[in-house]
Amino acid sequence: MQISKVEIHETILKLLTNSILQATRDYELAKESRDSDTKSSAGDKFETGREMMQREMDKISATLDQYKNQVNLLSKINLNRAYPIVDLGGLIETDQGIYYLSIGLGRIEINAEIIYAISLDSPIGQLFKGKRVGDELEFRGKTLKINQFI
């Protein structure tokens, strides 16, 4: 494995921070749009437009909460901990790819290397939990062998 757990962790935090900033901007734009909508002679159109903007704001707010929860979960991971078995915060190298057991972000590329950021609660995360180097697991018709675990 040529990439460190710290690099992966910091990249994920940076991606989440950027997502939070973008969602915050989107929320402010939706709020501005809702608040600047002027009442027209067609009152229903006004109310419908405001309601649509409010729904958009609610959706963005829920997304922001999700991002903040993910940042909170990442902050609880001890990057210096030695793991005897696969658990939250573990970096797993298999013969089929590299997995970081943190949040369900999916496929990310760092320095031309593909890493899968997966949640412990995901189906594959559940299969990895409790495994050790040398163990194998079956996922979507493929056998993954754990070659290295940090």
Protein backbone atom coordinates (compact mmCIF):
# COMPACT_ATOMS: atom_id res chain seq x y z
CA MET A 1 0.00 0.00 0.00
CA GLN A 2 1.60 3.24 -1.13
CA ILE A 3 -0.85 5.63 0.45
CA SER A 4 -1.17 6.32 4.16
CA LYS A 5 -4.29 6.19 6.27
CA VAL A 6 -3.66 9.80 7.32
CA GLU A 7 -3.64 10.93 3.66
CA ILE A 8 -6.89 9.11 2.99
CA HIS A 9 -8.50 10.46 6.17
CA GLU A 10 -7.45 14.05 5.40
CA THR A 11 -8.68 13.77 1.81
CA ILE A 12 -12.08 12.56 3.00
CA LEU A 13 -12.27 15.43 5.53
CA LYS A 14 -11.38 17.90 2.79
CA LEU A 15 -14.08 16.47 0.50
CA LEU A 16 -16.64 16.73 3.29
CA THR A 17 -15.59 20.28 4.15
CA ASN A 18 -16.01 21.30 0.50
CA SER A 19 -19.43 19.61 0.42
CA ILE A 20 -20.47 21.48 3.57
CA LEU A 21 -19.35 24.80 2.08
CA GLN A 22 -21.24 24.13 -1.16
CA ALA A 23 -24.40 23.04 0.67
CA THR A 24 -24.22 26.14 2.87
CA ARG A 25 -23.98 28.35 -0.23
CA ASP A 26 -26.91 26.46 -1.83
CA TYR A 27 -28.97 26.94 1.33
CA GLU A 28 -28.28 30.68 1.40
CA LEU A 29 -29.19 31.02 -2.29
CA ALA A 30 -32.46 29.13 -1.77
CA LYS A 31 -33.25 31.29 1.27
CA GLU A 32 -32.47 34.45 -0.67
CA SER A 33 -34.68 33.29 -3.52
CA ARG A 34 -37.51 32.41 -1.14
CA ASP A 35 -37.28 35.72 0.69
CA SER A 36 -37.01 37.85 -2.44
CA ASP A 37 -40.03 36.24 -4.13
CA THR A 38 -42.60 39.02 -4.31
CA LYS A 39 -46.30 38.46 -4.02
CA SER A 40 -47.96 38.66 -7.41
CA SER A 41 -51.59 39.01 -8.36
CA ALA A 42 -51.61 35.23 -8.63
CA GLY A 43 -51.30 34.54 -4.90
CA ASP A 44 -51.19 30.76 -5.31
CA LYS A 45 -48.15 31.03 -7.57
CA PHE A 46 -46.37 33.05 -4.88
CA GLU A 47 -47.19 30.54 -2.15
CA THR A 48 -46.20 27.59 -4.35
CA GLY A 49 -42.84 29.19 -5.20
CA ARG A 50 -42.12 29.95 -1.55
CA GLU A 51 -43.13 26.43 -0.53
CA MET A 52 -40.84 24.91 -3.18
CA MET A 53 -37.91 27.02 -1.93
CA GLN A 54 -38.68 26.03 1.66
CA ARG A 55 -38.69 22.36 0.71
CA GLU A 56 -35.35 22.85 -1.05
CA MET A 57 -33.96 24.53 2.07
CA ASP A 58 -35.20 21.65 4.24
CA LYS A 59 -33.56 19.13 1.91
CA ILE A 60 -30.25 21.03 1.94
CA SER A 61 -30.45 21.35 5.73
CA ALA A 62 -30.84 17.57 6.08
CA THR A 63 -27.85 17.06 3.77
CA LEU A 64 -25.79 19.49 5.88
CA ASP A 65 -26.71 17.56 9.02
CA GLN A 66 -25.61 14.33 7.36
CA TYR A 67 -22.24 15.86 6.36
CA LYS A 68 -21.71 17.19 9.88
CA ASN A 69 -22.50 13.77 11.37
CA GLN A 70 -19.94 12.22 9.01
CA VAL A 71 -17.30 14.76 10.09
CA ASN A 72 -18.15 13.95 13.71
CA LEU A 73 -17.72 10.22 13.07
CA LEU A 74 -14.38 10.82 11.32
CA SER A 75 -13.16 12.90 14.27
CA LYS A 76 -13.65 9.86 16.55
CA ILE A 77 -11.26 7.69 14.53
CA ASN A 78 -7.86 7.26 16.17
CA LEU A 79 -5.41 7.18 13.26
CA ASN A 80 -2.61 5.79 15.47
CA ARG A 81 -4.57 2.84 16.86
CA ALA A 82 -3.31 -0.66 16.10
CA TYR A 83 -6.12 -2.93 15.01
CA PRO A 84 -5.98 -6.66 15.78
CA ILE A 85 -9.21 -7.19 13.80
CA VAL A 86 -11.07 -5.12 11.21
CA ASP A 87 -13.04 -2.31 12.84
CA LEU A 88 -13.96 1.36 12.34
CA GLY A 89 -10.90 3.30 11.21
CA GLY A 90 -9.17 0.32 9.66
CA LEU A 91 -7.44 0.47 6.30
CA ILE A 92 -7.81 -2.83 4.49
CA GLU A 93 -5.83 -3.96 1.47
CA THR A 94 -7.38 -6.89 -0.37
CA ASP A 95 -6.54 -8.60 -3.62
CA GLN A 96 -9.56 -6.71 -5.06
CA GLY A 97 -8.85 -3.19 -3.77
CA ILE A 98 -8.21 -0.91 -0.80
CA TYR A 99 -10.98 -0.11 1.69
CA TYR A 100 -11.06 2.52 4.43
CA LEU A 101 -13.68 1.68 7.05
CA SER A 102 -14.96 5.14 7.95
CA ILE A 103 -17.96 6.74 6.22
CA GLY A 104 -19.88 5.63 3.17
CA LEU A 105 -18.32 7.95 0.64
CA GLY A 106 -17.58 5.32 -2.00
CA ARG A 107 -14.81 5.38 -4.56
CA ILE A 108 -12.18 8.10 -4.22
CA GLU A 109 -8.93 8.57 -6.09
CA ILE A 110 -5.80 9.79 -4.33
CA ASN A 111 -2.47 10.00 -6.18
CA ALA A 112 -3.81 7.72 -8.93
CA GLU A 113 -4.76 5.09 -6.34
CA ILE A 114 -8.38 4.00 -5.89
CA ILE A 115 -9.68 3.69 -2.34
CA TYR A 116 -13.20 2.76 -1.27
CA ALA A 117 -14.41 4.69 1.78
CA ILE A 118 -17.06 2.45 3.28
CA SER A 119 -19.25 2.56 6.34
CA LEU A 120 -19.12 -0.15 8.98
CA ASP A 121 -22.89 -0.42 8.55
CA SER A 122 -22.70 -1.08 4.81
CA PRO A 123 -23.11 -4.66 3.56
CA ILE A 124 -19.40 -5.00 2.75
CA GLY A 125 -18.45 -3.21 6.00
CA GLN A 126 -20.43 -5.81 7.94
CA LEU A 127 -18.62 -8.60 6.09
CA PHE A 128 -15.21 -7.06 6.90
CA LYS A 129 -15.96 -6.50 10.59
CA GLY A 130 -14.01 -8.81 12.86
CA LYS A 131 -11.85 -10.26 10.06
CA ARG A 132 -8.04 -10.57 10.19
CA VAL A 133 -5.18 -10.61 7.70
CA GLY A 134 -5.45 -13.77 5.62
CA ASP A 135 -9.23 -14.06 6.02
CA GLU A 136 -11.45 -14.20 2.97
CA LEU A 137 -14.98 -12.99 2.42
CA GLU A 138 -17.52 -13.31 -0.36
CA PHE A 139 -19.09 -10.12 -1.73
CA ARG A 140 -21.20 -9.83 -4.89
CA GLY A 141 -19.89 -13.07 -6.27
CA LYS A 142 -16.22 -12.18 -5.68
CA THR A 143 -13.87 -13.54 -3.07
CA LEU A 144 -11.78 -10.88 -1.33
CA LYS A 145 -8.70 -11.90 0.60
CA ILE A 146 -7.36 -9.52 3.26
CA ASN A 147 -3.66 -9.07 2.49
CA GLN A 148 -2.86 -6.19 4.83
CA PHE A 149 -4.67 -4.36 7.58
CA ILE A 150 -3.63 -1.13 9.28
